[in-house]
Amino acid sequence: MSIFWEIHQHRRINGASAQASQAKNKADRVESELRSLRRQLDRVTLACQGMWELIRENSEITEQMLADRIHEVDLRDGVADGKLGHQVIDCPHCGRKTSTKRGFCVMCGEAVAGDHIVEG
């Protein structure tokens, strides 16, 4: 009977080892993806700062005006959460309410666009 127990235990150990290996591979992929996203965020942050400085230097727009607009855009989805949210709009094709989340009307299937150039 002990030989069967040993075989069973070895299978369990091998299964656990395989699961641990898969988890490590997944964690490595996620870490790599996170590094890539951080690099992208850094580039976007630099671009935004550069654009803001150009706008400020070449217009009458103040930092307070920018802060007020950011707050206004944040509230468009009804929640002040620091995120660019999806909007509920009237479909331009069928007139029914739909969300900009999917990019198409859930009622008629036609393409819809929100007020944001950049959708979050």
N, C-alpha and C. Protein backbone atom coordinates (compact mmCIF):
# COMPACT_ATOMS: atom_id res chain seq x y z
N MET A 1 0.82 -1.19 0.00
CA MET A 1 0.00 0.00 0.00
C MET A 1 0.86 1.25 0.00
N SER A 2 2.04 1.19 0.61
CA SER A 2 2.89 2.37 0.69
C SER A 2 3.40 2.80 -0.68
N ILE A 3 3.57 1.89 -1.61
CA ILE A 3 4.02 2.26 -2.96
C ILE A 3 2.96 3.12 -3.66
N PHE A 4 1.70 2.79 -3.44
CA PHE A 4 0.62 3.58 -4.04
C PHE A 4 0.57 4.98 -3.41
N TRP A 5 0.81 5.02 -2.11
CA TRP A 5 0.83 6.31 -1.42
C TRP A 5 1.99 7.17 -1.95
N GLU A 6 3.13 6.58 -2.16
CA GLU A 6 4.29 7.29 -2.68
C GLU A 6 4.01 7.81 -4.09
N ILE A 7 3.41 6.99 -4.92
CA ILE A 7 3.06 7.42 -6.28
C ILE A 7 2.08 8.59 -6.22
N HIS A 8 1.09 8.47 -5.39
CA HIS A 8 0.10 9.54 -5.22
C HIS A 8 0.77 10.83 -4.77
N GLN A 9 1.65 10.73 -3.79
CA GLN A 9 2.34 11.92 -3.27
C GLN A 9 3.23 12.55 -4.33
N HIS A 10 3.93 11.73 -5.12
CA HIS A 10 4.79 12.25 -6.19
C HIS A 10 3.95 12.97 -7.24
N ARG A 11 2.81 12.45 -7.56
CA ARG A 11 1.92 13.11 -8.53
C ARG A 11 1.46 14.46 -7.99
N ARG A 12 1.11 14.49 -6.71
CA ARG A 12 0.67 15.75 -6.10
C ARG A 12 1.81 16.76 -6.08
N ILE A 13 3.00 16.29 -5.76
CA ILE A 13 4.17 17.18 -5.73
C ILE A 13 4.46 17.70 -7.14
N ASN A 14 4.42 16.82 -8.11
CA ASN A 14 4.66 17.24 -9.50
C ASN A 14 3.60 18.23 -9.97
N GLY A 15 2.36 17.99 -9.60
CA GLY A 15 1.27 18.91 -9.97
C GLY A 15 1.45 20.27 -9.33
N ALA A 16 1.83 20.27 -8.04
CA ALA A 16 2.05 21.53 -7.34
C ALA A 16 3.24 22.27 -7.94
N SER A 17 4.26 21.54 -8.31
CA SER A 17 5.44 22.15 -8.93
C SER A 17 5.09 22.78 -10.29
N ALA A 18 4.27 22.08 -11.06
CA ALA A 18 3.85 22.62 -12.35
C ALA A 18 3.00 23.89 -12.16
N GLN A 19 2.12 23.88 -11.18
CA GLN A 19 1.30 25.06 -10.90
C GLN A 19 2.16 26.23 -10.45
N ALA A 20 3.16 25.95 -9.63
CA ALA A 20 4.06 27.02 -9.18
C ALA A 20 4.83 27.59 -10.35
N SER A 21 5.27 26.75 -11.26
CA SER A 21 5.99 27.20 -12.43
C SER A 21 5.11 28.08 -13.32
N GLN A 22 3.86 27.67 -13.51
CA GLN A 22 2.91 28.46 -14.30
C GLN A 22 2.65 29.81 -13.64
N ALA A 23 2.51 29.82 -12.33
CA ALA A 23 2.27 31.06 -11.60
C ALA A 23 3.47 32.00 -11.73
N LYS A 24 4.68 31.46 -11.67
CA LYS A 24 5.88 32.28 -11.82
C LYS A 24 5.94 32.87 -13.22
N ASN A 25 5.64 32.06 -14.22
CA ASN A 25 5.64 32.57 -15.60
C ASN A 25 4.62 33.69 -15.77
N LYS A 26 3.45 33.51 -15.20
CA LYS A 26 2.42 34.54 -15.28
C LYS A 26 2.87 35.81 -14.57
N ALA A 27 3.45 35.67 -13.39
CA ALA A 27 3.94 36.82 -12.64
C ALA A 27 5.03 37.56 -13.42
N ASP A 28 5.91 36.80 -14.08
CA ASP A 28 6.96 37.42 -14.89
C ASP A 28 6.35 38.21 -16.05
N ARG A 29 5.32 37.66 -16.70
CA ARG A 29 4.66 38.37 -17.81
C ARG A 29 3.99 39.63 -17.31
N VAL A 30 3.31 39.54 -16.17
CA VAL A 30 2.62 40.70 -15.61
C VAL A 30 3.64 41.78 -15.23
N GLU A 31 4.75 41.37 -14.65
CA GLU A 31 5.80 42.34 -14.28
C GLU A 31 6.36 43.04 -15.52
N SER A 32 6.58 42.29 -16.57
CA SER A 32 7.07 42.88 -17.82
C SER A 32 6.05 43.86 -18.41
N GLU A 33 4.79 43.47 -18.37
CA GLU A 33 3.73 44.34 -18.86
C GLU A 33 3.63 45.61 -18.03
N LEU A 34 3.79 45.48 -16.73
CA LEU A 34 3.75 46.64 -15.84
C LEU A 34 4.90 47.60 -16.15
N ARG A 35 6.09 47.08 -16.37
CA ARG A 35 7.23 47.93 -16.74
C ARG A 35 6.94 48.68 -18.03
N SER A 36 6.36 47.99 -19.00
CA SER A 36 6.02 48.62 -20.28
C SER A 36 4.97 49.72 -20.08
N LEU A 37 3.96 49.45 -19.27
CA LEU A 37 2.93 50.45 -19.00
C LEU A 37 3.51 51.67 -18.28
N ARG A 38 4.42 51.44 -17.38
CA ARG A 38 5.07 52.56 -16.68
C ARG A 38 5.85 53.43 -17.66
N ARG A 39 6.56 52.79 -18.60
CA ARG A 39 7.29 53.57 -19.62
C ARG A 39 6.32 54.38 -20.46
N GLN A 40 5.22 53.76 -20.85
CA GLN A 40 4.21 54.47 -21.64
C GLN A 40 3.64 55.65 -20.84
N LEU A 41 3.33 55.43 -19.58
CA LEU A 41 2.79 56.49 -18.75
C LEU A 41 3.78 57.64 -18.61
N ASP A 42 5.05 57.31 -18.45
CA ASP A 42 6.07 58.36 -18.37
C ASP A 42 6.12 59.19 -19.64
N ARG A 43 6.03 58.54 -20.80
CA ARG A 43 6.05 59.27 -22.08
C ARG A 43 4.81 60.14 -22.23
N VAL A 44 3.65 59.61 -21.86
CA VAL A 44 2.41 60.38 -21.94
C VAL A 44 2.46 61.58 -20.99
N THR A 45 2.99 61.36 -19.79
CA THR A 45 3.12 62.45 -18.83
C THR A 45 4.03 63.55 -19.37
N LEU A 46 5.17 63.17 -19.95
CA LEU A 46 6.06 64.15 -20.56
C LEU A 46 5.38 64.91 -21.70
N ALA A 47 4.66 64.18 -22.54
CA ALA A 47 3.96 64.83 -23.66
C ALA A 47 2.91 65.81 -23.15
N CYS A 48 2.15 65.41 -22.13
CA CYS A 48 1.13 66.30 -21.58
C CYS A 48 1.76 67.56 -20.99
N GLN A 49 2.86 67.38 -20.25
CA GLN A 49 3.53 68.53 -19.65
C GLN A 49 4.06 69.46 -20.75
N GLY A 50 4.66 68.88 -21.78
CA GLY A 50 5.16 69.69 -22.89
C GLY A 50 4.04 70.44 -23.59
N MET A 51 2.92 69.77 -23.85
CA MET A 51 1.78 70.44 -24.49
C MET A 51 1.24 71.54 -23.60
N TRP A 52 1.11 71.26 -22.29
CA TRP A 52 0.60 72.28 -21.38
C TRP A 52 1.50 73.51 -21.38
N GLU A 53 2.82 73.31 -21.35
CA GLU A 53 3.73 74.46 -21.33
C GLU A 53 3.63 75.27 -22.61
N LEU A 54 3.50 74.61 -23.76
CA LEU A 54 3.30 75.33 -25.02
C LEU A 54 2.00 76.12 -25.01
N ILE A 55 0.93 75.50 -24.54
CA ILE A 55 -0.37 76.17 -24.49
C ILE A 55 -0.31 77.37 -23.55
N ARG A 56 0.26 77.18 -22.37
CA ARG A 56 0.35 78.26 -21.38
C ARG A 56 1.17 79.43 -21.92
N GLU A 57 2.27 79.14 -22.59
CA GLU A 57 3.15 80.20 -23.11
C GLU A 57 2.54 80.92 -24.30
N ASN A 58 1.65 80.28 -25.03
CA ASN A 58 1.13 80.85 -26.27
C ASN A 58 -0.35 81.19 -26.21
N SER A 59 -0.89 81.27 -25.01
CA SER A 59 -2.31 81.61 -24.91
C SER A 59 -2.57 82.29 -23.57
N GLU A 60 -3.80 82.63 -23.35
CA GLU A 60 -4.21 83.27 -22.10
C GLU A 60 -4.73 82.25 -21.09
N ILE A 61 -4.54 80.99 -21.37
CA ILE A 61 -5.06 79.94 -20.49
C ILE A 61 -4.18 79.83 -19.25
N THR A 62 -4.84 79.80 -18.08
CA THR A 62 -4.12 79.72 -16.82
C THR A 62 -4.18 78.30 -16.26
N GLU A 63 -3.35 78.04 -15.26
CA GLU A 63 -3.38 76.73 -14.61
C GLU A 63 -4.72 76.48 -13.94
N GLN A 64 -5.33 77.54 -13.40
CA GLN A 64 -6.65 77.40 -12.77
C GLN A 64 -7.69 77.01 -13.81
N MET A 65 -7.61 77.60 -14.98
CA MET A 65 -8.56 77.25 -16.05
C MET A 65 -8.39 75.77 -16.43
N LEU A 66 -7.14 75.33 -16.51
CA LEU A 66 -6.87 73.92 -16.82
C LEU A 66 -7.41 73.02 -15.72
N ALA A 67 -7.15 73.37 -14.46
CA ALA A 67 -7.64 72.56 -13.34
C ALA A 67 -9.16 72.50 -13.34
N ASP A 68 -9.81 73.64 -13.62
CA ASP A 68 -11.29 73.66 -13.69
C ASP A 68 -11.79 72.75 -14.80
N ARG A 69 -11.13 72.77 -15.95
CA ARG A 69 -11.56 71.93 -17.09
C ARG A 69 -11.35 70.46 -16.77
N ILE A 70 -10.23 70.14 -16.15
CA ILE A 70 -9.98 68.74 -15.77
C ILE A 70 -11.09 68.26 -14.84
N HIS A 71 -11.48 69.09 -13.88
CA HIS A 71 -12.56 68.73 -12.96
C HIS A 71 -13.88 68.55 -13.72
N GLU A 72 -14.16 69.44 -14.66
CA GLU A 72 -15.39 69.34 -15.46
C GLU A 72 -15.42 68.05 -16.26
N VAL A 73 -14.32 67.71 -16.89
CA VAL A 73 -14.25 66.47 -17.68
C VAL A 73 -14.40 65.26 -16.77
N ASP A 74 -13.78 65.31 -15.60
CA ASP A 74 -13.89 64.21 -14.64
C ASP A 74 -15.34 63.97 -14.25
N LEU A 75 -16.12 65.03 -14.13
CA LEU A 75 -17.52 64.90 -13.70
C LEU A 75 -18.48 64.49 -14.81
N ARG A 76 -18.03 64.41 -16.04
CA ARG A 76 -18.95 64.09 -17.15
C ARG A 76 -19.65 62.75 -16.99
N ASP A 77 -19.00 61.82 -16.32
CA ASP A 77 -19.65 60.51 -16.09
C ASP A 77 -20.42 60.50 -14.78
N GLY A 78 -20.49 61.67 -14.12
CA GLY A 78 -21.26 61.78 -12.89
C GLY A 78 -20.50 61.46 -11.63
N VAL A 79 -19.21 61.14 -11.75
CA VAL A 79 -18.43 60.76 -10.58
C VAL A 79 -17.08 61.49 -10.62
N ALA A 80 -16.75 62.21 -9.53
CA ALA A 80 -15.44 62.86 -9.42
C ALA A 80 -14.46 61.84 -8.87
N ASP A 81 -13.87 61.04 -9.78
CA ASP A 81 -12.99 59.95 -9.34
C ASP A 81 -11.60 60.01 -9.97
N GLY A 82 -11.30 61.09 -10.68
CA GLY A 82 -9.98 61.21 -11.29
C GLY A 82 -9.79 60.34 -12.51
N LYS A 83 -10.90 59.87 -13.10
CA LYS A 83 -10.83 59.00 -14.27
C LYS A 83 -11.69 59.56 -15.39
N LEU A 84 -11.27 59.27 -16.61
CA LEU A 84 -12.06 59.62 -17.77
C LEU A 84 -13.05 58.48 -18.00
N GLY A 85 -14.27 58.68 -17.57
CA GLY A 85 -15.26 57.60 -17.59
C GLY A 85 -16.03 57.54 -18.89
N HIS A 86 -16.77 56.48 -19.03
CA HIS A 86 -17.64 56.30 -20.17
C HIS A 86 -18.92 57.09 -19.95
N GLN A 87 -19.52 57.49 -21.02
CA GLN A 87 -20.71 58.31 -20.94
C GLN A 87 -21.93 57.56 -21.44
N VAL A 88 -23.08 57.93 -20.90
CA VAL A 88 -24.35 57.46 -21.43
C VAL A 88 -24.85 58.57 -22.35
N ILE A 89 -25.07 58.21 -23.61
CA ILE A 89 -25.49 59.19 -24.61
C ILE A 89 -26.73 58.68 -25.34
N ASP A 90 -27.36 59.58 -26.08
CA ASP A 90 -28.44 59.19 -26.99
C ASP A 90 -27.79 58.75 -28.29
N CYS A 91 -28.10 57.55 -28.74
CA CYS A 91 -27.54 57.05 -29.99
C CYS A 91 -27.97 57.97 -31.13
N PRO A 92 -27.04 58.44 -31.95
CA PRO A 92 -27.39 59.32 -33.06
C PRO A 92 -28.19 58.60 -34.15
N HIS A 93 -28.23 57.28 -34.11
CA HIS A 93 -28.92 56.51 -35.15
C HIS A 93 -30.34 56.12 -34.74
N CYS A 94 -30.49 55.58 -33.51
CA CYS A 94 -31.82 55.11 -33.09
C CYS A 94 -32.42 55.96 -31.98
N GLY A 95 -31.62 56.86 -31.37
CA GLY A 95 -32.13 57.75 -30.35
C GLY A 95 -32.23 57.16 -28.95
N ARG A 96 -31.92 55.88 -28.80
CA ARG A 96 -32.01 55.26 -27.48
C ARG A 96 -30.72 55.48 -26.69
N LYS A 97 -30.82 55.35 -25.37
CA LYS A 97 -29.65 55.52 -24.50
C LYS A 97 -28.67 54.37 -24.70
N THR A 98 -27.38 54.72 -24.76
CA THR A 98 -26.34 53.71 -24.88
C THR A 98 -25.07 54.27 -24.25
N SER A 99 -24.10 53.43 -24.02
CA SER A 99 -22.84 53.84 -23.40
C SER A 99 -21.75 53.95 -24.46
N THR A 100 -20.82 54.86 -24.23
CA THR A 100 -19.67 54.98 -25.13
C THR A 100 -18.63 53.90 -24.86
N LYS A 101 -18.86 53.07 -23.85
CA LYS A 101 -17.90 52.05 -23.44
C LYS A 101 -17.54 51.09 -24.58
N ARG A 102 -18.51 50.67 -25.34
CA ARG A 102 -18.28 49.66 -26.37
C ARG A 102 -17.93 50.25 -27.73
N GLY A 103 -18.29 51.51 -27.98
CA GLY A 103 -18.03 52.10 -29.28
C GLY A 103 -19.14 51.83 -30.28
N PHE A 104 -20.18 51.11 -29.85
CA PHE A 104 -21.34 50.88 -30.71
C PHE A 104 -22.59 50.86 -29.83
N CYS A 105 -23.72 51.16 -30.44
CA CYS A 105 -24.98 51.17 -29.70
C CYS A 105 -25.40 49.74 -29.39
N VAL A 106 -25.73 49.50 -28.13
CA VAL A 106 -26.14 48.15 -27.74
C VAL A 106 -27.54 47.82 -28.24
N MET A 107 -28.28 48.83 -28.67
CA MET A 107 -29.64 48.61 -29.16
C MET A 107 -29.69 48.35 -30.66
N CYS A 108 -28.99 49.21 -31.44
CA CYS A 108 -29.08 49.06 -32.90
C CYS A 108 -27.79 48.58 -33.55
N GLY A 109 -26.68 48.60 -32.80
CA GLY A 109 -25.41 48.10 -33.33
C GLY A 109 -24.59 49.11 -34.11
N GLU A 110 -25.10 50.31 -34.30
CA GLU A 110 -24.36 51.33 -35.05
C GLU A 110 -23.21 51.90 -34.21
N ALA A 111 -22.17 52.40 -34.87
CA ALA A 111 -21.04 52.99 -34.17
C ALA A 111 -21.44 54.28 -33.47
N VAL A 112 -20.93 54.47 -32.27
CA VAL A 112 -21.16 55.72 -31.53
C VAL A 112 -19.81 56.20 -30.98
N ALA A 113 -19.69 57.49 -30.83
CA ALA A 113 -18.47 58.07 -30.27
C ALA A 113 -18.86 58.98 -29.12
N GLY A 114 -18.00 59.05 -28.14
CA GLY A 114 -18.23 59.92 -27.00
C GLY A 114 -17.65 61.30 -27.25
N ASP A 115 -17.67 62.12 -26.22
CA ASP A 115 -17.13 63.47 -26.31
C ASP A 115 -15.62 63.49 -26.17
N HIS A 116 -15.00 62.38 -25.80
CA HIS A 116 -13.58 62.36 -25.52
C HIS A 116 -12.80 61.84 -26.73
N ILE A 117 -11.75 62.54 -27.06
CA ILE A 117 -10.84 62.05 -28.10
C ILE A 117 -10.12 60.83 -27.58
N VAL A 118 -9.74 60.91 -26.31
CA VAL A 118 -9.06 59.80 -25.65
C VAL A 118 -10.05 59.11 -24.74
N GLU A 119 -10.38 57.89 -25.03
CA GLU A 119 -11.31 57.13 -24.19
C GLU A 119 -10.49 56.30 -23.22
N GLY A 120 -10.89 56.32 -21.95
CA GLY A 120 -10.18 55.57 -20.91
C GLY A 120 -10.70 54.18 -20.77
